[in-house]
C-alpha atoms as a PDB file:
ATOM      1  CA  MET A   1      54.599 100.697  39.755  1.00  0.00           C
ATOM      2  CA  SER A   2      54.940  97.319  41.933  1.00  0.00           C
ATOM      3  CA  THR A   3      57.960  95.782  42.072  1.00  0.00           C
ATOM      4  CA  GLU A   4      57.212  92.886  40.794  1.00  0.00           C
ATOM      5  CA  LYS A   5      55.700  93.967  37.779  1.00  0.00           C
ATOM      6  CA  LYS A   6      59.499  96.353  37.896  1.00  0.00           C
ATOM      7  CA  LYS A   7      60.953  92.828  37.487  1.00  0.00           C
ATOM      8  CA  LEU A   8      58.835  91.968  34.664  1.00  0.00           C
ATOM      9  CA  ALA A   9      58.984  95.283  32.701  1.00  0.00           C
ATOM     10  CA  ALA A  10      62.657  94.390  32.985  1.00  0.00           C
ATOM     11  CA  ALA A  11      62.791  90.411  32.190  1.00  0.00           C
ATOM     12  CA  GLU A  12      60.169  91.890  29.116  1.00  0.00           C
ATOM     13  CA  GLY A  13      63.123  94.236  28.091  1.00  0.00           C
ATOM     14  CA  ALA A  14      65.649  91.483  28.019  1.00  0.00           C
ATOM     15  CA  LEU A  15      64.343  90.143  25.106  1.00  0.00           C
ATOM     16  CA  ASP A  16      64.707  93.032  23.200  1.00  0.00           C
ATOM     17  CA  TYR A  17      69.089  91.449  22.900  1.00  0.00           C
ATOM     18  CA  ILE A  18      68.022  88.108  21.706  1.00  0.00           C
ATOM     19  CA  GLN A  19      69.033  87.048  18.274  1.00  0.00           C
ATOM     20  CA  ALA A  20      67.394  84.874  16.191  1.00  0.00           C
ATOM     21  CA  GLY A  21      69.978  81.402  16.540  1.00  0.00           C
ATOM     22  CA  ASP A  22      70.846  82.468  19.546  1.00  0.00           C
ATOM     23  CA  VAL A  23      71.145  80.083  22.529  1.00  0.00           C
ATOM     24  CA  ILE A  24      70.568  81.185  25.291  1.00  0.00           C
ATOM     25  CA  GLY A  25      72.246  80.862  28.972  1.00  0.00           C
ATOM     26  CA  VAL A  26      69.873  81.542  31.773  1.00  0.00           C
ATOM     27  CA  GLY A  27      69.867  82.833  35.812  1.00  0.00           C
ATOM     28  CA  THR A  28      68.472  81.999  39.370  1.00  0.00           C
ATOM     29  CA  GLY A  29      65.922  83.455  41.428  1.00  0.00           C
ATOM     30  CA  SER A  30      62.412  85.765  40.690  1.00  0.00           C
ATOM     31  CA  THR A  31      63.318  87.760  38.340  1.00  0.00           C
ATOM     32  CA  ALA A  32      65.266  84.982  35.946  1.00  0.00           C
ATOM     33  CA  ASN A  33      61.892  83.379  36.786  1.00  0.00           C
ATOM     34  CA  TYR A  34      59.944  85.971  34.787  1.00  0.00           C
ATOM     35  CA  PHE A  35      62.389  86.166  31.757  1.00  0.00           C
ATOM     36  CA  ILE A  36      62.225  82.692  31.341  1.00  0.00           C
ATOM     37  CA  ASP A  37      57.644  82.972  31.032  1.00  0.00           C
ATOM     38  CA  ALA A  38      58.721  85.994  28.376  1.00  0.00           C
ATOM     39  CA  LEU A  39      60.683  83.332  26.660  1.00  0.00           C
ATOM     40  CA  ALA A  40      58.394  80.787  25.751  1.00  0.00           C
ATOM     41  CA  GLY A  41      56.612  83.246  23.665  1.00  0.00           C
ATOM     42  CA  ILE A  42      59.999  83.764  20.994  1.00  0.00           C
ATOM     43  CA  LYS A  43      61.241  80.086  21.671  1.00  0.00           C
ATOM     44  CA  GLY A  44      61.161  79.034  18.545  1.00  0.00           C
ATOM     45  CA  LYS A  45      63.057  81.962  17.536  1.00  0.00           C
ATOM     46  CA  ILE A  46      66.189  80.163  19.820  1.00  0.00           C
ATOM     47  CA  ASP A  47      68.231  77.211  19.434  1.00  0.00           C
ATOM     48  CA  GLY A  48      67.469  75.797  23.575  1.00  0.00           C
ATOM     49  CA  ALA A  49      68.946  77.474  26.604  1.00  0.00           C
ATOM     50  CA  VAL A  50      71.502  76.799  28.837  1.00  0.00           C
ATOM     51  CA  ALA A  51      70.301  77.023  32.498  1.00  0.00           C
ATOM     52  CA  SER A  52      72.015  77.740  36.287  1.00  0.00           C
ATOM     53  CA  SER A  53      70.280  75.687  38.094  1.00  0.00           C
ATOM     54  CA  GLU A  54      67.543  72.308  38.855  1.00  0.00           C
ATOM     55  CA  ALA A  55      65.106  74.673  39.142  1.00  0.00           C
ATOM     56  CA  THR A  56      65.511  77.396  36.168  1.00  0.00           C
ATOM     57  CA  ALA A  57      66.072  74.199  34.308  1.00  0.00           C
ATOM     58  CA  LYS A  58      63.039  72.606  35.054  1.00  0.00           C
ATOM     59  CA  ARG A  59      61.144  75.784  34.373  1.00  0.00           C
ATOM     60  CA  LEU A  60      63.200  75.976  30.420  1.00  0.00           C
ATOM     61  CA  LYS A  61      61.763  71.887  30.533  1.00  0.00           C
ATOM     62  CA  ASN A  62      58.049  72.583  31.136  1.00  0.00           C
ATOM     63  CA  HIS A  63      57.758  75.768  28.759  1.00  0.00           C
ATOM     64  CA  GLY A  64      59.194  73.554  26.132  1.00  0.00           C
ATOM     65  CA  ILE A  65      62.775  75.375  25.479  1.00  0.00           C
ATOM     66  CA  GLN A  66      65.764  72.856  25.152  1.00  0.00           C
ATOM     67  CA  VAL A  67      68.114  72.395  28.273  1.00  0.00           C
ATOM     68  CA  LEU A  68      71.055  71.964  27.011  1.00  0.00           C
ATOM     69  CA  ASP A  69      74.548  70.810  28.563  1.00  0.00           C
ATOM     70  CA  LEU A  70      77.152  74.351  28.225  1.00  0.00           C
ATOM     71  CA  ASN A  71      79.831  71.643  27.772  1.00  0.00           C
ATOM     72  CA  SER A  72      77.729  71.200  24.910  1.00  0.00           C
ATOM     73  CA  VAL A  73      77.692  74.387  23.036  1.00  0.00           C
ATOM     74  CA  PRO A  74      80.496  76.485  22.027  1.00  0.00           C
ATOM     75  CA  GLY A  75      79.697  79.909  23.194  1.00  0.00           C
ATOM     76  CA  LEU A  76      76.420  81.858  24.873  1.00  0.00           C
ATOM     77  CA  PRO A  77      75.938  85.118  22.955  1.00  0.00           C
ATOM     78  CA  ILE A  78      73.168  85.730  25.740  1.00  0.00           C
ATOM     79  CA  TYR A  79      73.388  85.069  29.389  1.00  0.00           C
ATOM     80  CA  VAL A  80      70.196  86.855  31.203  1.00  0.00           C
ATOM     81  CA  ASP A  81      70.524  86.766  35.574  1.00  0.00           C
ATOM     82  CA  GLY A  82      68.745  88.304  38.089  1.00  0.00           C
ATOM     83  CA  ALA A  83      70.925  90.527  40.654  1.00  0.00           C
ATOM     84  CA  ASP A  84      70.922  91.001  44.211  1.00  0.00           C
ATOM     85  CA  GLU A  85      72.662  94.219  44.345  1.00  0.00           C
ATOM     86  CA  ALA A  86      73.913  96.524  40.938  1.00  0.00           C
ATOM     87  CA  THR A  87      75.801  98.812  40.754  1.00  0.00           C
ATOM     88  CA  SER A  88      76.440 101.910  37.645  1.00  0.00           C
ATOM     89  CA  HIS A  89      79.727 100.061  37.433  1.00  0.00           C
ATOM     90  CA  ARG A  90      77.364  97.135  36.435  1.00  0.00           C
ATOM     91  CA  HIS A  91      79.279  95.429  39.295  1.00  0.00           C
ATOM     92  CA  LEU A  92      77.209  92.764  41.254  1.00  0.00           C
ATOM     93  CA  ILE A  93      75.336  90.702  44.824  1.00  0.00           C
ATOM     94  CA  LYS A  94      74.075  87.891  43.780  1.00  0.00           C
ATOM     95  CA  GLY A  95      73.651  84.252  45.079  1.00  0.00           C
ATOM     96  CA  GLY A  96      70.442  85.382  46.829  1.00  0.00           C
ATOM     97  CA  GLY A  97      68.953  81.763  45.509  1.00  0.00           C
ATOM     98  CA  GLY A  98      71.683  79.787  45.937  1.00  0.00           C
ATOM     99  CA  ALA A  99      72.903  78.933  42.702  1.00  0.00           C
ATOM    100  CA  LEU A 100      76.344  82.297  42.002  1.00  0.00           C
ATOM    101  CA  THR A 101      78.574  79.331  41.095  1.00  0.00           C
ATOM    102  CA  ARG A 102      76.734  77.590  38.277  1.00  0.00           C
ATOM    103  CA  GLU A 103      75.333  81.359  37.536  1.00  0.00           C
ATOM    104  CA  LYS A 104      79.037  82.451  37.043  1.00  0.00           C
ATOM    105  CA  ILE A 105      80.475  79.541  35.063  1.00  0.00           C
ATOM    106  CA  VAL A 106      76.697  81.032  32.858  1.00  0.00           C
ATOM    107  CA  ALA A 107      78.130  84.531  32.923  1.00  0.00           C
ATOM    108  CA  GLY A 108      82.222  83.201  32.303  1.00  0.00           C
ATOM    109  CA  ALA A 109      80.852  81.622  29.148  1.00  0.00           C
ATOM    110  CA  SER A 110      78.859  84.701  27.603  1.00  0.00           C
ATOM    111  CA  GLU A 111      79.527  86.754  25.720  1.00  0.00           C
ATOM    112  CA  LYS A 112      77.474  89.354  26.650  1.00  0.00           C
ATOM    113  CA  PHE A 113      75.780  89.816  30.048  1.00  0.00           C
ATOM    114  CA  ILE A 114      72.486  91.373  30.577  1.00  0.00           C
ATOM    115  CA  CYS A 115      71.194  91.499  34.077  1.00  0.00           C
ATOM    116  CA  ILE A 116      67.052  92.678  34.865  1.00  0.00           C
ATOM    117  CA  ALA A 117      66.187  93.526  38.380  1.00  0.00           C
ATOM    118  CA  ASP A 118      63.755  96.057  39.476  1.00  0.00           C
ATOM    119  CA  ASP A 119      65.902  99.989  40.630  1.00  0.00           C
ATOM    120  CA  THR A 120      65.790  98.728  43.783  1.00  0.00           C
ATOM    121  CA  LYS A 121      67.939  97.039  43.112  1.00  0.00           C
ATOM    122  CA  LEU A 122      70.747 100.021  42.276  1.00  0.00           C
ATOM    123  CA  VAL A 123      73.220 100.815  45.041  1.00  0.00           C
ATOM    124  CA  ASP A 124      76.219 103.776  45.223  1.00  0.00           C
ATOM    125  CA  THR A 125      77.898 101.065  47.505  1.00  0.00           C
ATOM    126  CA  LEU A 126      77.105  97.164  47.958  1.00  0.00           C
ATOM    127  CA  GLY A 127      77.530  95.172  50.875  1.00  0.00           C
ATOM    128  CA  ALA A 128      74.497  95.856  52.774  1.00  0.00           C
ATOM    129  CA  PHE A 129      72.921  92.995  50.818  1.00  0.00           C
ATOM    130  CA  PRO A 130      74.435  89.623  52.884  1.00  0.00           C
ATOM    131  CA  LEU A 131      76.525  89.065  50.719  1.00  0.00           C
ATOM    132  CA  PRO A 132      76.489  84.684  49.838  1.00  0.00           C
ATOM    133  CA  ILE A 133      79.629  82.881  49.186  1.00  0.00           C
ATOM    134  CA  GLU A 134      79.042  78.938  48.753  1.00  0.00           C
ATOM    135  CA  VAL A 135      81.080  76.220  50.968  1.00  0.00           C
ATOM    136  CA  ILE A 136      82.546  72.884  50.826  1.00  0.00           C
ATOM    137  CA  PRO A 137      81.093  71.883  54.436  1.00  0.00           C
ATOM    138  CA  MET A 138      84.317  70.563  56.176  1.00  0.00           C
ATOM    139  CA  ALA A 139      85.691  73.800  55.628  1.00  0.00           C
ATOM    140  CA  ARG A 140      82.350  75.970  56.880  1.00  0.00           C
ATOM    141  CA  SER A 141      83.966  76.572  60.130  1.00  0.00           C
ATOM    142  CA  HIS A 142      87.786  77.457  59.114  1.00  0.00           C
ATOM    143  CA  VAL A 143      85.809  79.909  55.995  1.00  0.00           C
ATOM    144  CA  ALA A 144      83.139  81.155  58.492  1.00  0.00           C
ATOM    145  CA  ARG A 145      86.560  82.462  61.357  1.00  0.00           C
ATOM    146  CA  GLN A 146      89.022  83.625  57.982  1.00  0.00           C
ATOM    147  CA  LEU A 147      85.692  85.561  56.983  1.00  0.00           C
ATOM    148  CA  VAL A 148      85.210  87.502  60.485  1.00  0.00           C
ATOM    149  CA  LYS A 149      88.504  88.747  60.287  1.00  0.00           C
ATOM    150  CA  HIS A 150      87.481  90.535  56.774  1.00  0.00           C
ATOM    151  CA  GLY A 151      85.352  91.977  59.100  1.00  0.00           C
ATOM    152  CA  GLY A 152      81.928  90.433  57.974  1.00  0.00           C
ATOM    153  CA  ILE A 153      79.782  88.056  60.390  1.00  0.00           C
ATOM    154  CA  PRO A 154      78.512  85.067  58.990  1.00  0.00           C
ATOM    155  CA  GLU A 155      75.048  82.899  58.917  1.00  0.00           C
ATOM    156  CA  LEU A 156      75.039  79.958  57.812  1.00  0.00           C
ATOM    157  CA  ARG A 157      71.938  79.615  55.433  1.00  0.00           C
ATOM    158  CA  ASP A 158      70.685  76.724  57.454  1.00  0.00           C
ATOM    159  CA  GLY A 159      68.795  73.934  55.901  1.00  0.00           C
ATOM    160  CA  TYR A 160      70.446  74.540  52.186  1.00  0.00           C
ATOM    161  CA  LYS A 161      72.255  72.690  50.272  1.00  0.00           C
ATOM    162  CA  THR A 162      73.461  73.791  46.483  1.00  0.00           C
ATOM    163  CA  ASP A 163      73.309  71.771  43.455  1.00  0.00           C
ATOM    164  CA  ASN A 164      76.708  71.450  43.940  1.00  0.00           C
ATOM    165  CA  GLY A 165      76.894  69.588  47.655  1.00  0.00           C
ATOM    166  CA  ASN A 166      77.639  72.871  49.486  1.00  0.00           C
ATOM    167  CA  LEU A 167      76.498  75.306  51.763  1.00  0.00           C
ATOM    168  CA  ILE A 168      76.276  78.634  52.171  1.00  0.00           C
ATOM    169  CA  LEU A 169      77.845  81.323  54.145  1.00  0.00           C
ATOM    170  CA  ASP A 170      75.262  84.975  54.278  1.00  0.00           C
ATOM    171  CA  VAL A 171      78.446  87.381  55.114  1.00  0.00           C
ATOM    172  CA  HIS A 172      76.713  90.501  56.852  1.00  0.00           C
ATOM    173  CA  ASN A 173      78.707  93.935  58.031  1.00  0.00           C
ATOM    174  CA  LEU A 174      80.208  94.024  54.769  1.00  0.00           C
ATOM    175  CA  THR A 175      81.095  97.633  53.072  1.00  0.00           C
ATOM    176  CA  ILE A 176      82.523  96.342  49.240  1.00  0.00           C
ATOM    177  CA  LEU A 177      84.556  99.383  48.542  1.00  0.00           C
ATOM    178  CA  ASN A 178      86.555  97.812  45.089  1.00  0.00           C
ATOM    179  CA  PRO A 179      84.206  94.843  44.887  1.00  0.00           C
ATOM    180  CA  ILE A 180      87.479  93.448  42.660  1.00  0.00           C
ATOM    181  CA  ASP A 181      89.198  93.325  44.990  1.00  0.00           C
ATOM    182  CA  LYS A 182      86.982  91.979  47.545  1.00  0.00           C
ATOM    183  CA  GLU A 183      86.602  89.256  45.292  1.00  0.00           C
ATOM    184  CA  ARG A 184      89.626  88.194  44.644  1.00  0.00           C
ATOM    185  CA  GLU A 185      90.869  88.176  48.385  1.00  0.00           C
ATOM    186  CA  LEU A 186      87.481  86.246  49.383  1.00  0.00           C
ATOM    187  CA  ASN A 187      87.625  83.941  46.498  1.00  0.00           C
ATOM    188  CA  ASN A 188      91.677  83.187  47.894  1.00  0.00           C
ATOM    189  CA  ILE A 189      89.869  81.477  51.117  1.00  0.00           C
ATOM    190  CA  ALA A 190      91.213  77.686  50.791  1.00  0.00           C
ATOM    191  CA  GLY A 191      87.119  76.125  50.580  1.00  0.00           C
ATOM    192  CA  VAL A 192      85.724  78.672  49.588  1.00  0.00           C
ATOM    193  CA  VAL A 193      83.966  77.632  45.700  1.00  0.00           C
ATOM    194  CA  THR A 194      83.493  80.695  45.588  1.00  0.00           C
ATOM    195  CA  VAL A 195      81.705  83.962  46.132  1.00  0.00           C
ATOM    196  CA  GLY A 196      77.865  85.777  44.945  1.00  0.00           C
ATOM    197  CA  ILE A 197      80.256  89.193  43.930  1.00  0.00           C
ATOM    198  CA  PHE A 198      80.496  89.582  39.491  1.00  0.00           C
ATOM    199  CA  ALA A 199      82.777  92.686  39.359  1.00  0.00           C
ATOM    200  CA  LEU A 200      85.988  90.242  37.553  1.00  0.00           C
ATOM    201  CA  ARG A 201      83.031  89.486  35.449  1.00  0.00           C
ATOM    202  CA  PRO A 202      80.939  92.143  35.433  1.00  0.00           C
ATOM    203  CA  ALA A 203      77.414  92.980  33.732  1.00  0.00           C
ATOM    204  CA  ASP A 204      77.634  94.245  30.702  1.00  0.00           C
ATOM    205  CA  ILE A 205      74.299  96.398  30.822  1.00  0.00           C
ATOM    206  CA  LEU A 206      71.925  96.358  33.319  1.00  0.00           C
ATOM    207  CA  VAL A 207      68.254  96.164  32.491  1.00  0.00           C
ATOM    208  CA  LEU A 208      66.051  97.616  35.195  1.00  0.00           C
ATOM    209  CA  GLY A 209      62.789  98.046  35.928  1.00  0.00           C
ATOM    210  CA  GLY A 210      61.475 101.176  36.611  1.00  0.00           C
ATOM    211  CA  GLU A 211      58.287 103.355  37.494  1.00  0.00           C
ATOM    212  CA  SER A 212      57.807 104.753  34.389  1.00  0.00           C
ATOM    213  CA  ASP A 213      60.003 103.172  32.060  1.00  0.00           C
ATOM    214  CA  LEU A 214      63.076 100.827  31.903  1.00  0.00           C
ATOM    215  CA  GLN A 215      66.713 102.549  32.456  1.00  0.00           C
ATOM    216  CA  ILE A 216      69.389 101.239  31.215  1.00  0.00           C
ATOM    217  CA  ILE A 217      73.076 100.967  31.913  1.00  0.00           C
ATOM    218  CA  GLN A 218      76.200 100.190  29.617  1.00  0.00           C
END
C-alpha cells in the first residue's frame, strides 16, 4: 500500500472517534488534509471546527465546514492532526508544515488528541526528522547559538514565515531520548515561541495506517 493510501486510511479511521455535536480541532499538513476531506462527508454531524492554520481554515471553508475561533468555544472534545514522527509513548515531533504553535494550542485545549499518520512515522527515538522551532525574528541568531550548545545544527527555513509572523529553525542532529525534559529545556530559550516536541501534551491515541489495516496505540 502506498504512503498516501496509508495516510488516507488513518484519516478515515479518525472519523470513528467523532460524536454528534462535536466541535473538532483540526491540524495542518498532508494527512490532516485527508482528514478534512473525509470530515466533509459527515459535516452535518458536527457543530464546526477550529483550525490550526490559515491553510486548514481555507480547506475547511471550501468544504462548507464552519470554522470557529478557539476563544468562542468552551472546549474541544477532540483534536485530529498528523505528525512527522511518533513513538509508542505517543510523543511526537510536529511542525513540518510550520503550524506547530497553533497546533500546540489547539492540542492543549482538546480533551482527546487523535494523531493520524502512516506507519513509517513510528520511531523508537525522536530526532531523525529535523525538529522545527518557531522563533521571534529578532532572536533568530541568539536561539541558533543556544541550539548549537544543545548539540543541534539549526537551519533557517528559508523564505518562510508562520501564520504568527515568526521564523522556523529546523534543528538537525538531535537524538531526543527524554522528550518531556527536552521540550521544557528548549522552550526556555529566550526568543523561542514553541518547539515541535509534543510530549508534555502527547497524543492520546495514535491511528497508524499500515499495509493491511490500522494500528491503534493508546
